[in-house]
Protein backbone atom coordinates (compact mmCIF):
# COMPACT_ATOMS: atom_id res chain seq x y z
CA MET A 1 13.54 17.43 -3.50
CA LEU A 2 9.80 17.91 -3.02
CA SER A 3 7.22 15.74 -4.77
CA PRO A 4 3.43 15.80 -4.43
CA TRP A 5 3.60 12.02 -4.62
CA ILE A 6 5.72 11.33 -1.55
CA GLU A 7 5.32 13.10 1.79
CA PHE A 8 8.17 12.95 4.31
CA ARG A 9 6.74 13.88 7.71
CA PRO A 10 8.50 14.28 10.03
CA LYS A 11 11.59 15.15 8.02
CA ARG A 12 14.66 13.16 9.05
CA HIS A 13 17.66 15.11 7.75
CA ASP A 14 20.13 12.51 9.06
CA ALA A 15 18.21 9.48 7.79
CA GLN A 16 20.30 6.56 6.59
CA ALA A 17 17.43 4.56 5.06
CA ARG A 18 13.80 5.07 4.09
CA VAL A 19 10.59 3.15 3.64
CA LEU A 20 8.06 4.26 1.03
CA CYS A 21 4.50 3.42 2.11
CA ILE A 22 1.46 3.11 -0.17
CA PRO A 23 -1.98 3.19 1.51
CA TYR A 24 -5.03 0.98 1.18
CA ALA A 25 -8.09 1.85 -0.93
CA GLY A 26 -9.60 5.13 0.19
CA GLY A 27 -6.52 5.90 2.25
CA SER A 28 -4.00 8.71 2.00
CA ALA A 29 -0.53 9.59 3.21
CA GLN A 30 -2.12 10.42 6.58
CA VAL A 31 -2.56 6.66 7.20
CA TYR A 32 1.17 6.48 7.92
CA HIS A 33 1.67 9.49 10.21
CA MET A 34 1.69 7.39 13.39
CA LEU A 35 4.13 4.91 11.86
CA ALA A 36 6.39 7.73 10.69
CA ARG A 37 6.53 9.32 14.14
CA SER A 38 7.38 5.99 15.75
CA MET A 39 10.40 5.28 13.53
CA PRO A 40 13.99 5.65 14.78
CA GLU A 41 15.64 8.95 13.86
CA ASN A 42 17.79 7.29 11.21
CA ILE A 43 14.78 5.98 9.22
CA GLU A 44 12.51 8.28 7.21
CA VAL A 45 9.01 7.35 6.09
CA GLY A 46 7.86 8.52 2.69
CA ALA A 47 4.07 8.25 2.66
CA VAL A 48 2.65 8.08 -0.85
CA GLN A 49 -0.16 10.52 -1.64
CA LEU A 50 -2.09 9.36 -4.68
CA PRO A 51 -3.86 12.02 -6.80
CA GLY A 52 -7.33 13.18 -5.83
CA ARG A 53 -6.96 13.47 -2.06
CA TRP A 54 -5.92 16.10 0.48
CA ASP A 55 -3.48 18.57 -1.10
CA ARG A 56 -3.88 16.71 -4.44
CA ARG A 57 -7.68 16.78 -4.35
CA ARG A 58 -7.97 18.80 -7.57
CA GLU A 59 -6.03 16.21 -9.58
CA PRO A 60 -7.83 13.43 -11.49
CA LEU A 61 -8.17 10.14 -9.63
CA LEU A 62 -6.32 7.11 -11.00
CA THR A 63 -8.21 3.91 -11.73
CA SER A 64 -5.49 1.43 -12.70
CA VAL A 65 -2.67 -0.15 -10.71
CA SER A 66 -0.35 -0.02 -13.72
CA GLU A 67 -0.76 3.74 -14.11
CA ALA A 68 -0.22 4.42 -10.41
CA SER A 69 2.86 2.17 -10.42
CA ARG A 70 4.41 3.87 -13.45
CA HIS A 71 4.05 7.29 -11.86
CA LEU A 72 5.40 6.10 -8.52
CA ALA A 73 8.40 4.38 -10.11
CA ASP A 74 9.25 7.64 -11.89
CA GLU A 75 9.04 9.54 -8.60
CA ILE A 76 11.30 7.04 -6.84
CA THR A 77 14.01 7.44 -9.46
CA ARG A 78 14.09 11.19 -8.70
CA LEU A 79 14.70 10.75 -4.97
CA PRO A 80 18.23 11.20 -3.56
CA PRO A 81 19.83 7.73 -3.43
CA MET A 82 19.39 5.94 -0.12
CA PRO A 83 18.70 2.31 0.90
CA TYR A 84 14.94 1.84 0.89
CA ALA A 85 12.08 -0.63 1.19
CA LEU A 86 8.63 -0.54 -0.39
CA PHE A 87 5.66 -1.12 1.91
CA GLY A 88 2.14 -1.50 0.56
CA TYR A 89 -1.11 -2.12 2.38
CA SER A 90 -3.95 -4.02 0.64
CA LEU A 91 -4.38 -2.16 -2.68
CA GLY A 92 -1.08 -0.46 -1.83
CA GLY A 93 0.56 -3.89 -1.83
CA LEU A 94 -0.30 -4.38 -5.50
CA ILE A 95 0.96 -0.89 -6.37
CA ALA A 96 4.20 -1.49 -4.43
CA PHE A 97 4.66 -4.85 -6.17
CA GLU A 98 4.12 -3.50 -9.68
CA THR A 99 6.37 -0.53 -8.88
CA ALA A 100 9.14 -2.92 -7.83
CA ARG A 101 8.65 -4.85 -11.07
CA ILE A 102 9.03 -1.67 -13.15
CA LEU A 103 12.21 -0.70 -11.32
CA ALA A 104 13.59 -4.23 -11.76
CA ARG A 105 13.48 -3.87 -15.54
CA ASP A 106 16.37 -1.39 -15.42
CA THR A 107 19.32 -2.72 -13.45
CA LYS A 108 20.94 0.72 -13.50
CA LEU A 109 18.22 2.00 -11.16
CA GLN A 110 18.50 1.66 -7.41
CA GLN A 111 16.43 -1.36 -6.40
CA PRO A 112 14.44 -1.66 -3.17
CA ARG A 113 16.13 -3.54 -0.37
CA ALA A 114 12.82 -5.33 0.29
CA LEU A 115 9.15 -5.44 -0.65
CA ILE A 116 6.73 -5.62 2.29
CA VAL A 117 3.06 -6.30 1.62
CA ALA A 118 0.33 -6.27 4.26
CA ALA A 119 -3.30 -7.44 3.97
CA ALA A 120 -2.68 -8.15 0.29
CA GLU A 121 -3.37 -11.57 -1.17
CA ALA A 122 -0.82 -13.04 -3.57
CA PRO A 123 -1.39 -11.37 -6.96
CA ALA A 124 -1.13 -14.49 -9.13
CA GLU A 125 -3.72 -16.37 -7.08
CA LYS A 126 -6.30 -13.66 -6.55
CA SER A 127 -9.75 -14.89 -5.73
CA GLY A 128 -12.78 -13.67 -7.63
CA ARG A 129 -13.16 -10.02 -6.69
CA PRO A 130 -16.69 -8.62 -6.73
CA GLU A 131 -16.92 -5.44 -8.74
CA LEU A 132 -18.19 -3.27 -5.92
CA HIS A 133 -17.07 -0.11 -7.72
CA THR A 134 -19.86 -0.55 -10.30
CA LEU A 135 -22.65 -0.49 -7.70
CA PRO A 136 -24.89 2.53 -6.99
CA ASP A 137 -23.49 4.68 -4.19
CA ALA A 138 -25.73 3.52 -1.33
CA GLN A 139 -25.26 -0.16 -2.21
CA PHE A 140 -21.53 0.36 -2.69
CA ILE A 141 -21.17 1.85 0.79
CA LYS A 142 -23.15 -0.98 2.40
CA LYS A 143 -21.14 -3.68 0.62
CA GLN A 144 -17.90 -1.89 1.47
CA ILE A 145 -18.76 -1.80 5.16
CA ASP A 146 -19.79 -5.47 5.13
CA ARG A 147 -16.67 -6.65 3.29
CA TYR A 148 -14.12 -4.35 4.92
CA PRO A 149 -15.27 -3.66 8.51
CA GLY A 150 -13.48 -0.66 9.95
CA GLY A 151 -12.48 0.72 6.57
CA ILE A 152 -14.81 3.72 6.88
CA SER A 153 -14.79 5.34 10.30
CA PRO A 154 -18.13 5.98 12.05
CA ALA A 155 -17.26 9.70 12.15
CA VAL A 156 -17.02 9.82 8.36
CA LEU A 157 -20.18 7.75 7.89
CA ALA A 158 -22.06 10.18 10.11
CA GLU A 159 -21.07 13.24 8.09
CA ALA A 160 -22.65 13.52 4.63
CA ASP A 161 -20.06 16.07 3.49
CA LEU A 162 -17.16 13.80 4.43
CA MET A 163 -18.76 10.82 2.72
CA GLU A 164 -19.31 12.93 -0.38
CA MET A 165 -15.56 13.65 -0.49
CA LEU A 166 -14.52 10.07 0.27
CA LEU A 167 -16.89 8.22 -2.06
CA PRO A 168 -15.28 9.05 -5.45
CA ILE A 169 -11.82 8.30 -4.00
CA LEU A 170 -12.94 4.96 -2.61
CA LYS A 171 -14.73 3.98 -5.82
CA ALA A 172 -11.71 4.86 -7.98
CA ASP A 173 -9.38 2.92 -5.69
CA MET A 174 -11.69 -0.08 -5.62
CA LYS A 175 -11.86 -0.02 -9.41
CA MET A 176 -8.06 -0.05 -9.39
CA PHE A 177 -8.07 -3.05 -7.04
CA GLU A 178 -10.90 -5.01 -8.63
CA THR A 179 -9.73 -4.63 -12.25
CA TYR A 180 -6.06 -5.45 -11.56
CA GLN A 181 -4.72 -8.09 -13.95
CA TYR A 182 -1.64 -10.08 -12.98
CA LEU A 183 0.84 -10.74 -15.79
CA PRO A 184 3.69 -13.25 -15.40
CA ALA A 185 7.16 -11.68 -15.22
CA PRO A 186 10.61 -12.58 -13.83
CA ALA A 187 10.65 -12.89 -10.06
CA LEU A 188 11.96 -9.98 -8.02
CA ALA A 189 15.46 -10.34 -6.60
CA CYS A 190 14.71 -8.53 -3.34
CA PRO A 191 13.28 -10.27 -0.25
CA VAL A 192 9.51 -10.22 0.16
CA TYR A 193 7.79 -9.94 3.54
CA ALA A 194 4.05 -10.67 3.64
CA MET A 195 1.80 -9.85 6.59
CA ALA A 196 -1.83 -10.82 7.26
CA GLY A 197 -4.31 -10.32 10.08
CA ASP A 198 -5.42 -13.47 11.88
CA ARG A 199 -9.07 -12.31 11.71
CA ASP A 200 -9.04 -10.86 8.21
CA PRO A 201 -11.86 -12.46 6.18
CA VAL A 202 -10.66 -10.85 2.93
CA CYS A 203 -6.93 -11.61 3.01
CA THR A 204 -6.40 -14.64 5.24
CA PRO A 205 -2.94 -15.78 6.35
CA SER A 206 -3.12 -18.61 3.78
CA ALA A 207 -3.81 -16.08 1.00
CA ILE A 208 -0.36 -14.49 1.33
CA ALA A 209 1.65 -17.71 0.86
CA GLY A 210 1.72 -17.28 -2.93
CA TRP A 211 3.89 -14.16 -2.64
CA GLU A 212 6.82 -16.57 -2.34
CA LYS A 213 6.60 -17.15 -6.11
CA GLU A 214 7.28 -13.45 -6.76
CA THR A 215 10.85 -13.43 -5.43
CA SER A 216 14.06 -15.37 -6.01
CA GLY A 217 15.27 -14.03 -2.67
CA PRO A 218 14.19 -14.75 0.91
CA PHE A 219 10.49 -14.89 1.72
CA THR A 220 8.88 -14.37 5.11
CA THR A 221 5.26 -14.49 6.24
CA GLU A 222 3.87 -13.03 9.44
CA THR A 223 0.45 -13.31 11.04
CA VAL A 224 -0.65 -10.32 13.08
CA GLU A 225 -3.51 -10.09 15.54
CA GLY A 226 -6.40 -8.20 13.99
CA GLY A 227 -8.66 -7.87 10.97
CA HIS A 228 -8.06 -6.33 7.56
CA PHE A 229 -6.96 -3.01 9.04
CA PHE A 230 -4.61 -4.42 11.67
CA ILE A 231 -2.20 -1.54 10.99
CA ASN A 232 -4.45 0.69 13.10
CA ASN A 233 -3.67 -1.34 16.22
CA SER A 234 -0.36 -3.02 15.38
CA VAL A 235 2.01 -0.20 14.45
CA ASP A 236 4.73 -1.80 16.58
CA ARG A 237 4.58 -5.06 14.60
CA VAL A 238 4.59 -3.23 11.28
CA ARG A 239 7.54 -1.07 12.36
CA ALA A 240 9.49 -4.13 13.53
CA THR A 241 9.01 -5.85 10.17
CA ILE A 242 10.11 -2.73 8.26
CA LEU A 243 13.23 -2.34 10.41
CA ARG A 244 14.09 -6.00 9.92
CA ALA A 245 13.70 -5.60 6.15
CA LEU A 246 16.03 -2.59 6.16
CA GLU A 247 18.84 -4.30 8.12
């Protein structure tokens, strides 16, 4: 079953489990291509493609975590049943979390085997988030580079046309992230794995400890070498955590 929301590449026709991966702000399904290719043949990676980018570029951008999560939960219920985990990176961690909460409201639905969040601070204890998305474009780009080093590649920064395409996506995603409101709800039953970079100034290893409150099941934290975008250099560590969560 094909869905514009979830891209399976490469296709694994004999897969026995899957992980559904939601990207960070400004990211797309392409963020997870390297991870997908590195997975064992029996694990398929479904990379989430939010509206407004790549083959969905003509669709309106979303600006709220709750809306993105509702749509994604609906898409997950349409997938052929298979054991799965949810993996979310930074903003994607909040979307994965709220998606898991929506699915948990209906016990007849297949629940994720685990929730894995990376570079995402605990939602109930979020620090004050500056509203970068309200800034004029030039100031927004500067603040974005300062706060999230490595988030915009030098190649994109050097090309005005590429920046023109990325800017509305990044602003919409940052609005989604910066306006997110946590609401108390019953804890998830599935295990939660939380990962943080040891040099991440935005989401420090101590900032992920609060995820333990969001599950009644096992909770594991992991510190990975790198900054906010440690996934770019630590695919092996991310893959190992996903495989452990799917055991």
